């Protein structure tokens, strides 16, 4: 992952009150892209018009969140300038309220 994308990933995770994980969660100790005390998050972002989400990525996020006793959240970001950037947060219906209550929207 190039440095520009790593910087953007960290910015997006922090914007929602999550701590970005070293190496995008690819290490032995940290899993996924960001977390706080209650939520474990995976982020997919693109400059393109569409994005593909693999079922295995979602299942892995759920597995890691269960292991860490946190709620899983999948972030999808379409990159853009200012108001053109769109971030969606996906969660299972029974986790949705807990995820929403434990994200803290911060300015850039």
N, C-alpha and C. Protein backbone atom coordinates (compact mmCIF):
# COMPACT_ATOMS: atom_id res chain seq x y z
N UNK A 1 0.86 -1.17 0.00
CA UNK A 1 0.00 0.00 0.00
C UNK A 1 0.90 1.23 0.00
N UNK A 2 0.61 2.16 -0.91
CA UNK A 2 1.51 3.31 -0.97
C UNK A 2 1.20 4.30 0.15
N UNK A 3 2.14 5.17 0.40
CA UNK A 3 2.08 6.10 1.54
C UNK A 3 0.86 7.02 1.50
N UNK A 4 0.45 7.42 0.30
CA UNK A 4 -0.72 8.30 0.17
C UNK A 4 -1.98 7.60 0.69
N UNK A 5 -2.16 6.32 0.33
CA UNK A 5 -3.34 5.58 0.78
C UNK A 5 -3.28 5.32 2.28
N UNK A 6 -2.11 5.05 2.81
CA UNK A 6 -1.95 4.83 4.25
C UNK A 6 -2.35 6.09 5.00
N UNK A 7 -1.92 7.24 4.51
CA UNK A 7 -2.27 8.52 5.14
C UNK A 7 -3.78 8.75 5.10
N UNK A 8 -4.41 8.46 3.97
CA UNK A 8 -5.86 8.62 3.84
C UNK A 8 -6.61 7.67 4.77
N UNK A 9 -6.14 6.43 4.84
CA UNK A 9 -6.76 5.45 5.72
C UNK A 9 -6.71 5.90 7.18
N UNK A 10 -5.57 6.38 7.60
CA UNK A 10 -5.42 6.88 8.97
C UNK A 10 -6.35 8.07 9.22
N UNK A 11 -6.42 8.98 8.26
CA UNK A 11 -7.29 10.16 8.39
C UNK A 11 -8.75 9.74 8.55
N UNK A 12 -9.19 8.80 7.74
CA UNK A 12 -10.59 8.36 7.80
C UNK A 12 -10.87 7.65 9.12
N UNK A 13 -9.99 6.80 9.55
CA UNK A 13 -10.20 6.09 10.83
C UNK A 13 -10.28 7.10 11.98
N UNK A 14 -9.37 8.07 12.00
CA UNK A 14 -9.38 9.08 13.08
C UNK A 14 -10.64 9.94 13.02
N UNK A 15 -11.11 10.23 11.83
CA UNK A 15 -12.31 11.06 11.66
C UNK A 15 -13.51 10.46 12.40
N UNK A 16 -13.53 9.14 12.53
CA UNK A 16 -14.64 8.46 13.19
C UNK A 16 -14.29 7.97 14.60
N UNK A 17 -13.21 8.51 15.15
CA UNK A 17 -12.85 8.18 16.52
C UNK A 17 -12.20 6.83 16.69
N UNK A 18 -11.61 6.31 15.62
CA UNK A 18 -10.94 5.01 15.66
C UNK A 18 -9.44 5.20 15.58
N UNK A 19 -8.71 4.32 16.23
CA UNK A 19 -7.25 4.34 16.17
C UNK A 19 -6.79 3.51 14.99
N UNK A 20 -6.07 4.10 14.04
CA UNK A 20 -5.56 3.33 12.90
C UNK A 20 -4.57 2.27 13.38
N UNK A 21 -4.60 1.13 12.73
CA UNK A 21 -3.71 0.04 13.10
C UNK A 21 -2.43 0.08 12.27
N UNK A 22 -1.30 -0.26 12.88
CA UNK A 22 -0.05 -0.31 12.12
C UNK A 22 -0.16 -1.31 10.97
N UNK A 23 0.39 -0.96 9.84
CA UNK A 23 0.43 -1.82 8.66
C UNK A 23 -0.97 -2.25 8.21
N UNK A 24 -1.97 -1.39 8.46
CA UNK A 24 -3.35 -1.69 8.06
C UNK A 24 -3.86 -2.97 8.70
N UNK A 25 -3.39 -3.27 9.88
CA UNK A 25 -3.86 -4.46 10.58
C UNK A 25 -3.29 -5.77 10.05
N UNK A 26 -2.23 -5.69 9.25
CA UNK A 26 -1.66 -6.90 8.66
C UNK A 26 -0.64 -7.59 9.56
N UNK A 27 -0.40 -7.03 10.73
CA UNK A 27 0.58 -7.62 11.64
C UNK A 27 0.00 -8.73 12.50
N UNK A 28 0.82 -9.28 13.36
CA UNK A 28 0.37 -10.36 14.23
C UNK A 28 -0.47 -9.85 15.40
N UNK A 29 -0.16 -8.67 15.90
CA UNK A 29 -0.84 -8.15 17.09
C UNK A 29 -2.14 -7.42 16.76
N UNK A 30 -2.13 -6.58 15.74
CA UNK A 30 -3.30 -5.78 15.40
C UNK A 30 -3.99 -6.34 14.17
N UNK A 31 -5.30 -6.41 14.22
CA UNK A 31 -6.08 -6.90 13.08
C UNK A 31 -7.01 -5.81 12.59
N UNK A 32 -7.30 -5.80 11.33
CA UNK A 32 -8.18 -4.85 10.66
C UNK A 32 -7.53 -3.47 10.58
N UNK A 33 -8.31 -2.46 10.19
CA UNK A 33 -7.73 -1.15 9.87
C UNK A 33 -7.81 -0.13 11.00
N UNK A 34 -8.79 -0.27 11.87
CA UNK A 34 -8.93 0.68 12.96
C UNK A 34 -9.80 0.11 14.06
N UNK A 35 -9.66 0.69 15.26
CA UNK A 35 -10.48 0.23 16.37
C UNK A 35 -10.55 1.29 17.47
N UNK A 36 -11.55 1.14 18.30
CA UNK A 36 -11.61 1.85 19.56
C UNK A 36 -12.01 0.83 20.62
N UNK A 37 -12.45 1.25 21.74
CA UNK A 37 -12.77 0.33 22.83
C UNK A 37 -13.91 -0.63 22.48
N UNK A 38 -14.80 -0.20 21.57
CA UNK A 38 -16.02 -0.96 21.29
C UNK A 38 -16.15 -1.48 19.86
N UNK A 39 -15.44 -0.86 18.91
CA UNK A 39 -15.64 -1.15 17.48
C UNK A 39 -14.33 -1.58 16.84
N UNK A 40 -14.42 -2.60 15.97
CA UNK A 40 -13.29 -3.02 15.13
C UNK A 40 -13.71 -2.77 13.68
N UNK A 41 -12.88 -2.05 12.92
CA UNK A 41 -13.28 -1.59 11.59
C UNK A 41 -12.34 -2.04 10.48
N UNK A 42 -12.94 -2.35 9.36
CA UNK A 42 -12.24 -2.62 8.11
C UNK A 42 -12.63 -1.48 7.16
N UNK A 43 -11.67 -0.96 6.41
CA UNK A 43 -11.93 0.13 5.47
C UNK A 43 -11.56 -0.28 4.06
N UNK A 44 -12.46 0.01 3.14
CA UNK A 44 -12.17 -0.10 1.72
C UNK A 44 -12.42 1.28 1.12
N UNK A 45 -11.46 1.79 0.37
CA UNK A 45 -11.68 3.09 -0.27
C UNK A 45 -11.17 3.07 -1.70
N UNK A 46 -11.76 3.95 -2.49
CA UNK A 46 -11.41 4.01 -3.91
C UNK A 46 -11.61 5.43 -4.43
N UNK A 47 -10.90 5.74 -5.48
CA UNK A 47 -11.14 6.97 -6.24
C UNK A 47 -12.07 6.67 -7.40
N UNK A 48 -12.32 5.39 -7.63
CA UNK A 48 -13.13 4.97 -8.77
C UNK A 48 -14.63 5.14 -8.54
N UNK A 49 -15.40 4.64 -9.51
CA UNK A 49 -16.85 4.76 -9.47
C UNK A 49 -17.52 3.61 -8.74
N UNK A 50 -16.77 2.55 -8.48
CA UNK A 50 -17.35 1.39 -7.79
C UNK A 50 -16.28 0.70 -6.95
N UNK A 51 -16.75 -0.15 -6.07
CA UNK A 51 -15.83 -0.88 -5.20
C UNK A 51 -16.39 -2.28 -5.00
N UNK A 52 -15.52 -3.26 -4.89
CA UNK A 52 -15.95 -4.64 -4.67
C UNK A 52 -15.65 -5.03 -3.23
N UNK A 53 -16.60 -5.66 -2.60
CA UNK A 53 -16.44 -6.15 -1.24
C UNK A 53 -16.53 -7.67 -1.29
N UNK A 54 -15.54 -8.33 -0.74
CA UNK A 54 -15.53 -9.79 -0.73
C UNK A 54 -16.15 -10.31 0.56
N UNK A 55 -16.97 -11.33 0.41
CA UNK A 55 -17.61 -11.94 1.58
C UNK A 55 -16.56 -12.39 2.59
N UNK A 56 -15.44 -12.91 2.12
CA UNK A 56 -14.40 -13.39 3.03
C UNK A 56 -13.84 -12.25 3.88
N UNK A 57 -13.73 -11.05 3.33
CA UNK A 57 -13.28 -9.90 4.11
C UNK A 57 -14.24 -9.60 5.26
N UNK A 58 -15.54 -9.69 4.97
CA UNK A 58 -16.55 -9.44 6.00
C UNK A 58 -16.49 -10.53 7.06
N UNK A 59 -16.38 -11.78 6.63
CA UNK A 59 -16.32 -12.90 7.59
C UNK A 59 -15.07 -12.80 8.47
N UNK A 60 -13.96 -12.38 7.89
CA UNK A 60 -12.73 -12.19 8.67
C UNK A 60 -12.89 -11.08 9.69
N UNK A 61 -13.52 -9.97 9.28
CA UNK A 61 -13.79 -8.87 10.21
C UNK A 61 -14.66 -9.36 11.37
N UNK A 62 -15.69 -10.11 11.08
CA UNK A 62 -16.57 -10.63 12.14
C UNK A 62 -15.79 -11.56 13.07
N UNK A 63 -14.96 -12.41 12.51
CA UNK A 63 -14.14 -13.32 13.33
C UNK A 63 -13.22 -12.53 14.27
N UNK A 64 -12.52 -11.56 13.71
CA UNK A 64 -11.60 -10.75 14.53
C UNK A 64 -12.35 -9.94 15.58
N UNK A 65 -13.52 -9.43 15.24
CA UNK A 65 -14.29 -8.65 16.22
C UNK A 65 -14.80 -9.55 17.34
N UNK A 66 -15.20 -10.76 17.01
CA UNK A 66 -15.62 -11.71 18.06
C UNK A 66 -14.46 -12.04 18.99
N UNK A 67 -13.28 -12.24 18.42
CA UNK A 67 -12.09 -12.55 19.23
C UNK A 67 -11.71 -11.40 20.16
N UNK A 68 -11.97 -10.17 19.72
CA UNK A 68 -11.59 -9.00 20.52
C UNK A 68 -12.78 -8.43 21.31
N UNK A 69 -13.93 -9.10 21.24
CA UNK A 69 -15.13 -8.68 21.97
C UNK A 69 -15.55 -7.25 21.61
N UNK A 70 -15.53 -6.97 20.29
CA UNK A 70 -15.92 -5.66 19.77
C UNK A 70 -16.96 -5.85 18.67
N UNK A 71 -17.61 -4.78 18.32
CA UNK A 71 -18.60 -4.80 17.24
C UNK A 71 -17.92 -4.55 15.91
N UNK A 72 -18.23 -5.34 14.87
CA UNK A 72 -17.61 -5.14 13.56
C UNK A 72 -18.29 -4.02 12.77
N UNK A 73 -17.49 -3.23 12.08
CA UNK A 73 -18.02 -2.18 11.20
C UNK A 73 -17.18 -2.16 9.92
N UNK A 74 -17.84 -2.13 8.80
CA UNK A 74 -17.17 -2.09 7.51
C UNK A 74 -17.36 -0.70 6.92
N UNK A 75 -16.27 0.01 6.71
CA UNK A 75 -16.30 1.37 6.16
C UNK A 75 -16.01 1.30 4.66
N UNK A 76 -16.82 2.00 3.89
CA UNK A 76 -16.63 2.11 2.44
C UNK A 76 -16.51 3.60 2.13
N UNK A 77 -15.41 4.01 1.55
CA UNK A 77 -15.20 5.43 1.23
C UNK A 77 -14.91 5.61 -0.25
N UNK A 78 -15.69 6.50 -0.85
CA UNK A 78 -15.43 6.96 -2.21
C UNK A 78 -14.70 8.28 -2.05
N UNK A 79 -13.43 8.30 -2.43
CA UNK A 79 -12.59 9.47 -2.25
C UNK A 79 -13.04 10.61 -3.15
N UNK A 80 -12.87 11.83 -2.66
CA UNK A 80 -13.21 13.01 -3.44
C UNK A 80 -12.77 14.25 -2.69
N UNK A 81 -13.00 15.37 -3.28
CA UNK A 81 -12.64 16.64 -2.67
C UNK A 81 -13.77 17.12 -1.76
N UNK A 82 -13.45 17.40 -0.51
CA UNK A 82 -14.36 18.01 0.46
C UNK A 82 -15.69 17.28 0.53
N UNK A 83 -16.79 17.95 0.14
CA UNK A 83 -18.11 17.34 0.28
C UNK A 83 -18.35 16.20 -0.70
N UNK A 84 -17.45 15.99 -1.65
CA UNK A 84 -17.60 14.90 -2.61
C UNK A 84 -17.11 13.57 -2.06
N UNK A 85 -16.45 13.56 -0.90
CA UNK A 85 -16.03 12.30 -0.30
C UNK A 85 -17.23 11.70 0.43
N UNK A 86 -17.50 10.45 0.17
CA UNK A 86 -18.64 9.77 0.77
C UNK A 86 -18.14 8.56 1.53
N UNK A 87 -18.50 8.47 2.81
CA UNK A 87 -18.17 7.31 3.62
C UNK A 87 -19.46 6.68 4.11
N UNK A 88 -19.57 5.38 3.90
CA UNK A 88 -20.69 4.59 4.41
C UNK A 88 -20.15 3.65 5.47
N UNK A 89 -20.92 3.45 6.52
CA UNK A 89 -20.54 2.52 7.58
C UNK A 89 -21.57 1.40 7.57
N UNK A 90 -21.09 0.18 7.38
CA UNK A 90 -21.97 -0.99 7.32
C UNK A 90 -21.78 -1.84 8.57
N UNK A 91 -22.89 -2.29 9.12
CA UNK A 91 -22.86 -3.16 10.29
C UNK A 91 -24.06 -4.11 10.20
N UNK A 92 -23.96 -5.23 10.89
CA UNK A 92 -25.10 -6.14 10.95
C UNK A 92 -26.24 -5.41 11.67
N UNK A 93 -27.48 -5.68 11.29
CA UNK A 93 -28.61 -4.96 11.90
C UNK A 93 -28.59 -4.96 13.43
N UNK A 94 -28.23 -6.07 14.04
CA UNK A 94 -28.25 -6.13 15.51
C UNK A 94 -27.04 -5.45 16.14
N UNK A 95 -26.05 -5.04 15.35
CA UNK A 95 -24.89 -4.30 15.86
C UNK A 95 -24.97 -2.81 15.53
N UNK A 96 -25.91 -2.44 14.68
CA UNK A 96 -25.94 -1.09 14.12
C UNK A 96 -25.99 0.01 15.17
N UNK A 97 -26.87 -0.09 16.14
CA UNK A 97 -26.99 0.95 17.16
C UNK A 97 -25.72 1.06 18.00
N UNK A 98 -25.14 -0.09 18.40
CA UNK A 98 -23.91 -0.06 19.19
C UNK A 98 -22.76 0.57 18.41
N UNK A 99 -22.66 0.23 17.13
CA UNK A 99 -21.60 0.81 16.30
C UNK A 99 -21.80 2.32 16.20
N UNK A 100 -23.01 2.75 15.87
CA UNK A 100 -23.29 4.18 15.70
C UNK A 100 -23.02 4.96 16.98
N UNK A 101 -23.38 4.40 18.11
CA UNK A 101 -23.18 5.10 19.39
C UNK A 101 -21.71 5.19 19.79
N UNK A 102 -20.88 4.34 19.23
CA UNK A 102 -19.48 4.30 19.64
C UNK A 102 -18.51 4.85 18.61
N UNK A 103 -19.03 5.52 17.59
CA UNK A 103 -18.20 6.27 16.66
C UNK A 103 -18.31 7.73 17.02
N UNK A 104 -17.20 8.43 16.94
CA UNK A 104 -17.18 9.85 17.32
C UNK A 104 -16.69 10.63 16.11
N UNK A 105 -17.59 11.29 15.44
CA UNK A 105 -17.24 12.06 14.25
C UNK A 105 -16.40 13.26 14.64
N UNK A 106 -15.21 13.33 14.04
CA UNK A 106 -14.28 14.43 14.31
C UNK A 106 -14.00 15.15 12.99
N UNK A 107 -13.66 16.41 13.06
CA UNK A 107 -13.29 17.17 11.87
C UNK A 107 -11.94 16.72 11.33
N UNK A 108 -11.68 17.07 10.08
CA UNK A 108 -10.39 16.68 9.46
C UNK A 108 -9.24 17.46 10.03
